[in-house]
Protein backbone atom coordinates (compact mmCIF):
# COMPACT_ATOMS: atom_id res chain seq x y z
CA UNK A 1 -0.02 -0.15 0.01
CA UNK A 2 0.94 3.61 -0.42
CA UNK A 3 1.47 5.83 2.43
CA UNK A 4 -1.80 7.46 2.26
CA UNK A 5 -3.64 4.12 1.81
CA UNK A 6 -1.53 2.44 4.83
CA UNK A 7 -2.35 5.44 7.23
CA UNK A 8 -6.02 5.36 6.15
CA UNK A 9 -6.47 1.76 6.87
CA UNK A 10 -4.44 1.54 10.06
CA UNK A 11 -6.59 4.22 11.69
CA UNK A 12 -9.95 2.86 10.77
CA UNK A 13 -8.92 -0.69 11.67
CA UNK A 14 -8.52 0.54 15.13
CA UNK A 15 -11.80 2.55 15.00
CA UNK A 16 -13.92 -0.22 13.42
CA UNK A 17 -12.94 -2.74 16.13
CA UNK A 18 -13.90 -0.43 18.85
CA UNK A 19 -17.09 0.66 17.23
CA UNK A 20 -18.56 -3.00 17.16
CA UNK A 21 -16.75 -4.37 20.12
CA UNK A 22 -19.99 -4.90 21.79
CA UNK A 23 -22.84 -7.25 20.47
CA UNK A 24 -25.27 -4.18 20.56
CA UNK A 25 -22.82 -2.26 18.55
CA UNK A 26 -22.69 -4.86 16.04
CA UNK A 27 -26.41 -5.32 15.97
CA UNK A 28 -26.91 -1.71 15.23
CA UNK A 29 -24.52 -1.42 12.43
CA UNK A 30 -25.64 -4.69 10.83
CA UNK A 31 -29.24 -3.54 10.25
CA UNK A 32 -28.48 0.06 8.86
CA UNK A 33 -29.76 -1.20 5.27
CA UNK A 34 -33.22 -2.11 4.67
CA UNK A 35 -35.27 -2.66 1.35
CA UNK A 36 -37.90 -0.04 2.50
CA UNK A 37 -35.37 2.63 3.17
CA UNK A 38 -33.68 1.70 0.03
CA UNK A 39 -36.74 1.93 -1.88
CA UNK A 40 -36.19 -1.58 -3.24
CA UNK A 41 -38.58 -4.62 -3.68
CA UNK A 42 -38.35 -6.71 -0.44
CA UNK A 43 -36.72 -9.63 -2.02
CA UNK A 44 -34.47 -7.51 -4.28
CA UNK A 45 -31.11 -8.96 -2.74
CA UNK A 46 -32.12 -12.67 -3.49
CA UNK A 47 -29.72 -14.35 -5.80
CA UNK A 48 -27.67 -11.23 -5.94
CA UNK A 49 -23.87 -11.12 -6.23
CA UNK A 50 -22.88 -8.05 -4.11
CA UNK A 51 -19.78 -6.03 -3.35
CA UNK A 52 -18.93 -4.36 -0.04
CA UNK A 53 -16.22 -1.87 -1.22
CA UNK A 54 -14.28 -0.55 1.69
CA UNK A 55 -15.65 -3.21 4.05
CA UNK A 56 -13.56 -2.14 7.07
CA UNK A 57 -12.32 -4.50 9.53
CA UNK A 58 -15.67 -5.93 10.54
CA UNK A 59 -17.74 -6.86 7.48
CA UNK A 60 -20.82 -5.43 9.01
CA UNK A 61 -22.02 -4.13 6.04
CA UNK A 62 -21.70 -7.60 4.23
CA UNK A 63 -23.46 -9.01 7.27
CA UNK A 64 -26.42 -6.71 6.28
CA UNK A 65 -26.39 -7.85 2.68
CA UNK A 66 -26.24 -11.46 3.63
CA UNK A 67 -28.98 -11.07 6.18
CA UNK A 68 -31.09 -9.36 3.55
CA UNK A 69 -30.71 -12.51 1.31
CA UNK A 70 -27.76 -11.71 -0.92
CA UNK A 71 -26.44 -14.87 -2.98
CA UNK A 72 -22.73 -13.99 -2.26
CA UNK A 73 -20.61 -11.13 -1.14
CA UNK A 74 -17.05 -10.08 -2.24
CA UNK A 75 -15.60 -7.89 0.67
CA UNK A 76 -12.83 -5.39 -0.38
CA UNK A 77 -10.24 -3.61 1.70
CA UNK A 78 -6.67 -2.79 1.84
CA UNK A 79 -4.86 -4.94 4.45
CA UNK A 80 -5.03 -8.64 5.59
CA UNK A 81 -5.59 -7.77 9.13
CA UNK A 82 -9.39 -7.54 8.22
CA UNK A 83 -9.56 -11.23 7.67
CA UNK A 84 -9.75 -12.66 11.05
CA UNK A 85 -12.40 -10.18 12.66
CA UNK A 86 -14.42 -10.52 9.45
CA UNK A 87 -14.50 -14.34 9.42
CA UNK A 88 -15.39 -14.17 13.08
CA UNK A 89 -18.32 -11.86 12.44
CA UNK A 90 -19.50 -13.68 9.25
CA UNK A 91 -19.31 -17.17 10.42
CA UNK A 92 -22.99 -17.84 10.07
CA UNK A 93 -22.44 -17.11 6.39
CA UNK A 94 -19.53 -19.41 5.75
CA UNK A 95 -19.25 -20.23 2.08
CA UNK A 96 -21.28 -17.19 1.03
CA UNK A 97 -18.45 -14.48 1.07
CA UNK A 98 -14.89 -13.96 -0.08
CA UNK A 99 -12.32 -11.33 1.39
CA UNK A 100 -10.44 -9.60 -1.21
CA UNK A 101 -7.33 -7.52 -0.20
CA UNK A 102 -6.82 -4.35 -2.41
CA UNK A 103 -7.77 -0.83 -3.24
CA UNK A 104 -11.31 -0.15 -4.59
CA UNK A 105 -9.61 2.35 -6.94
CA UNK A 106 -8.44 -0.63 -9.01
CA UNK A 107 -9.86 -4.05 -8.38
CA UNK A 108 -9.43 -7.45 -10.03
CA UNK A 109 -13.06 -8.15 -10.87
CA UNK A 110 -14.00 -8.75 -14.42
CA UNK A 111 -16.36 -5.95 -16.04
CA UNK A 112 -19.94 -6.06 -15.47
CA UNK A 113 -19.70 -8.51 -12.56
CA UNK A 114 -21.68 -7.17 -9.67
CA UNK A 115 -25.53 -6.84 -9.12
CA UNK A 116 -25.15 -4.40 -6.36
CA UNK A 117 -22.07 -2.46 -4.59
CA UNK A 118 -22.16 -0.96 -1.14
CA UNK A 119 -19.69 1.73 -0.62
CA UNK A 120 -20.22 3.55 2.74
CA UNK A 121 -17.97 6.27 4.08
CA UNK A 122 -15.07 5.15 1.98
CA UNK A 123 -14.70 7.39 -1.06
CA UNK A 124 -14.25 10.66 0.62
CA UNK A 125 -11.14 9.09 2.19
CA UNK A 126 -9.70 7.74 -0.79
CA UNK A 127 -6.58 8.89 -2.52
CA UNK A 128 -8.20 9.34 -5.82
CA UNK A 129 -12.27 9.49 -5.53
CA UNK A 130 -12.69 9.42 -9.38
CA UNK A 131 -10.79 6.28 -9.67
CA UNK A 132 -13.33 4.77 -7.15
CA UNK A 133 -16.37 6.09 -9.08
CA UNK A 134 -14.84 4.58 -12.34
CA UNK A 135 -14.19 1.27 -10.90
CA UNK A 136 -17.62 1.09 -9.29
CA UNK A 137 -18.96 1.66 -12.78
CA UNK A 138 -16.62 -0.65 -14.64
CA UNK A 139 -17.42 -3.77 -12.47
CA UNK A 140 -21.16 -3.13 -11.96
CA UNK A 141 -23.54 -4.58 -14.37
CA UNK A 142 -25.75 -2.73 -16.74
CA UNK A 143 -28.81 -2.16 -14.58
CA UNK A 144 -27.04 -2.91 -11.36
CA UNK A 145 -27.42 -0.63 -8.41
CA UNK A 146 -24.96 1.02 -6.12
CA UNK A 147 -25.20 2.80 -2.79
CA UNK A 148 -22.60 5.29 -1.87
CA UNK A 149 -22.23 7.38 1.42
CA UNK A 150 -19.95 10.43 1.39
CA UNK A 151 -19.59 13.57 3.34
CA UNK A 152 -21.47 16.53 2.19
CA UNK A 153 -19.88 20.22 2.16
CA UNK A 154 -20.75 23.23 4.33
CA UNK A 155 -22.49 24.00 7.61
CA UNK A 156 -21.44 25.46 10.87
CA UNK A 157 -20.44 22.21 12.68
CA UNK A 158 -19.04 20.53 9.49
CA UNK A 159 -16.75 23.53 8.51
CA UNK A 160 -15.61 23.96 12.12
CA UNK A 161 -14.45 20.46 12.34
CA UNK A 162 -12.97 19.90 8.91
CA UNK A 163 -11.78 23.40 7.77
CA UNK A 164 -10.75 24.67 11.26
CA UNK A 165 -10.24 22.16 13.71
CA UNK A 166 -8.41 19.47 11.47
CA UNK A 167 -5.78 22.08 10.14
CA UNK A 168 -5.29 23.65 13.72
CA UNK A 169 -4.60 19.99 15.05
CA UNK A 170 -1.75 19.55 12.50
CA UNK A 171 0.06 22.83 12.91
CA UNK A 172 -0.45 23.77 16.30
CA UNK A 173 1.11 21.51 18.95
CA UNK A 174 -0.86 22.99 21.89
CA UNK A 175 -4.26 22.22 20.27
CA UNK A 176 -2.95 18.65 19.22
CA UNK A 177 -2.26 17.81 22.68
CA UNK A 178 -5.51 19.27 23.77
CA UNK A 179 -7.53 17.30 21.34
CA UNK A 180 -5.62 14.23 21.55
CA UNK A 181 -6.35 14.19 25.39
CA UNK A 182 -10.24 14.51 24.53
CA UNK A 183 -10.38 11.87 21.60
CA UNK A 184 -8.55 9.42 23.45
CA UNK A 185 -10.36 9.89 26.87
CA UNK A 186 -7.35 11.06 28.76
CA UNK A 187 -8.87 14.02 30.42
CA UNK A 188 -8.59 13.35 34.08
CA UNK A 189 -6.28 16.23 34.81
CA UNK A 190 -8.58 18.68 32.68
CA UNK A 191 -11.74 17.33 34.49
CA UNK A 192 -10.01 17.86 37.91
CA UNK A 193 -9.00 21.41 37.01
CA UNK A 194 -12.55 21.96 35.84
CA UNK A 195 -14.48 20.61 38.66
CA UNK A 196 -12.43 22.38 41.22
CA UNK A 197 -13.39 25.80 39.64
CA UNK A 198 -17.14 25.67 39.13
CA UNK A 199 -19.96 25.94 41.59
CA UNK A 200 -22.33 22.89 42.38
CA UNK A 201 -24.96 23.75 39.95
CA UNK A 202 -22.32 23.68 37.25
CA UNK A 203 -21.15 20.46 38.54
CA UNK A 204 -24.56 18.91 38.28
CA UNK A 205 -24.90 20.01 34.56
CA UNK A 206 -21.54 18.57 33.79
CA UNK A 207 -22.07 15.37 35.50
CA UNK A 208 -25.36 15.00 33.63
CA UNK A 209 -23.89 15.94 30.32
CA UNK A 210 -20.81 13.46 30.97
CA UNK A 211 -23.47 10.39 30.69
CA UNK A 212 -23.74 11.39 27.11
CA UNK A 213 -20.04 11.27 26.13
CA UNK A 214 -19.31 7.62 25.21
CA UNK A 215 -16.70 5.99 23.25
CA UNK A 216 -18.76 6.03 20.06
CA UNK A 217 -18.70 9.75 20.14
CA UNK A 218 -15.06 9.88 20.88
CA UNK A 219 -14.34 7.53 17.86
CA UNK A 220 -16.38 9.78 15.55
CA UNK A 221 -14.03 12.52 16.45
CA UNK A 222 -11.17 10.37 15.83
CA UNK A 223 -12.44 9.66 12.27
CA UNK A 224 -13.02 13.31 11.52
CA UNK A 225 -9.83 14.80 12.98
CA UNK A 226 -7.25 11.95 12.35
CA UNK A 227 -8.17 10.70 8.90
CA UNK A 228 -5.43 11.50 6.14
CA UNK A 229 -8.17 12.90 4.03
CA UNK A 230 -11.65 14.01 4.26
CA UNK A 231 -13.22 15.31 0.98
CA UNK A 232 -16.41 16.80 1.05
CA UNK A 233 -19.18 16.84 -1.78
CA UNK A 234 -22.00 19.08 -3.04
CA UNK A 235 -24.97 16.77 -3.87
CA UNK A 236 -26.21 18.55 -7.08
CA UNK A 237 -22.54 18.59 -8.64
CA UNK A 238 -21.97 15.00 -7.47
CA UNK A 239 -25.15 13.88 -9.03
CA UNK A 240 -24.35 15.74 -12.28
CA UNK A 241 -20.93 13.90 -12.23
CA UNK A 242 -22.42 10.72 -11.72
CA UNK A 243 -25.00 11.08 -14.55
CA UNK A 244 -22.04 12.00 -16.97
CA UNK A 245 -20.15 8.92 -15.79
CA UNK A 246 -23.08 6.65 -16.74
CA UNK A 247 -25.23 6.42 -13.87
CA UNK A 248 -29.17 7.14 -13.65
CA UNK A 249 -32.21 6.85 -11.42
CA UNK A 250 -29.99 8.68 -8.79
CA UNK A 251 -31.96 9.28 -5.54
CA UNK A 252 -30.94 10.22 -1.84
CA UNK A 253 -31.68 8.01 0.96
CA UNK A 254 -33.29 9.44 4.12
CA UNK A 255 -32.73 7.26 7.11
CA UNK A 256 -33.27 8.00 10.76
CA UNK A 257 -30.40 7.57 13.06
CA UNK A 258 -30.31 6.55 16.82
CA UNK A 259 -27.56 7.66 19.18
CA UNK A 260 -26.90 7.05 22.90
CA UNK A 261 -24.63 10.22 23.22
CA UNK A 262 -24.83 13.93 22.59
CA UNK A 263 -25.55 13.42 18.97
CA UNK A 264 -28.97 12.39 20.22
CA UNK A 265 -29.83 15.98 20.59
CA UNK A 266 -29.06 16.42 16.76
CA UNK A 267 -30.34 13.41 15.21
CA UNK A 268 -33.46 15.15 13.69
CA UNK A 269 -31.18 17.14 11.39
CA UNK A 270 -29.43 13.80 10.05
CA UNK A 271 -32.92 12.69 8.75
CA UNK A 272 -34.43 16.10 7.87
CA UNK A 273 -31.51 17.16 6.01
CA UNK A 274 -33.28 19.67 4.05
CA UNK A 275 -34.43 21.87 6.88
CA UNK A 276 -32.86 25.18 7.38
CA UNK A 277 -31.53 24.24 10.77
CA UNK A 278 -29.90 21.07 9.31
CA UNK A 279 -28.46 23.32 6.34
CA UNK A 280 -27.12 25.72 8.81
CA UNK A 281 -25.59 23.08 11.17
CA UNK A 282 -24.25 20.42 8.56
CA UNK A 283 -24.76 21.88 4.99
CA UNK A 284 -25.27 19.09 2.76
CA UNK A 285 -25.14 16.63 5.48
CA UNK A 286 -24.19 12.98 5.03
CA UNK A 287 -25.07 12.13 1.51
CA UNK A 288 -26.38 8.69 0.94
CA UNK A 289 -27.14 7.95 -2.75
CA UNK A 290 -28.59 5.13 -4.65
CA UNK A 291 -27.74 4.87 -8.24
CA UNK A 292 -28.30 2.51 -11.32
CA UNK A 293 -25.60 1.87 -13.93
CA UNK A 294 -27.40 2.77 -17.22
CA UNK A 295 -28.20 0.03 -19.80
CA UNK A 296 -26.04 0.05 -22.95
CA UNK A 297 -27.75 1.75 -25.82
CA UNK A 298 -29.16 -0.55 -28.46
CA UNK A 299 -27.83 0.45 -31.91
CA UNK A 300 -30.27 0.74 -34.79
């Protein structure tokens, strides 16, 4: 792997393993997709050959696809350290999947092979996102479908994290030290200082809020701050690009999300992404698109 891919994979290997270390965590991730939200027939995945591109270290997306009835799933990611945890998590589907080590920018699959490709939260971290889109198009059958999830641009919260905090983290050693203690949950000295300098009412508020800062939230911050690359997209421009590339029937998926941390307060804005509050806070939001590879035109 090149330096960029190696750094990205090592970071997310650590994050993914922690994200689903509990049975509850794995269950929550393994039911993210359903045919109703995807606007597909309930038996759509039956007998489908699927790809889980950028499957991560857990294979949770593939578990989801196989649980929905997929005939076979090819998992793709960049390092062999994914093999052991994926085999453990997919043991109930032995014989129905294959793990492929490599980059989704250039796979070894034959042209027009897949009925369906899942690519969640991967392309905005890729060294060359256009290579990813082109490869998905190449290996997807005409009429085949793909779901991609990428980070949208804009918004007060998103811009603060991506355009301010990330650059400051990399160039200011004091900010890096401060952020590292937070995202790695090493704040005992900060906590002691803070509690010694606030009144009892503030202590009660701080204690209450502390119950809603969990490992999942800290891992999300690690994702945003530490990833070598975090590209953002404008939905309209992205759809235009995908249409030119050869995809059609493109539509955005709305899905309600559930959190057990401070993001619970913001969860309505993930689903109602067009609301003026959502646009102010998150801009384009998390963009989840379903698309279909266009059928070849028949020459007359």
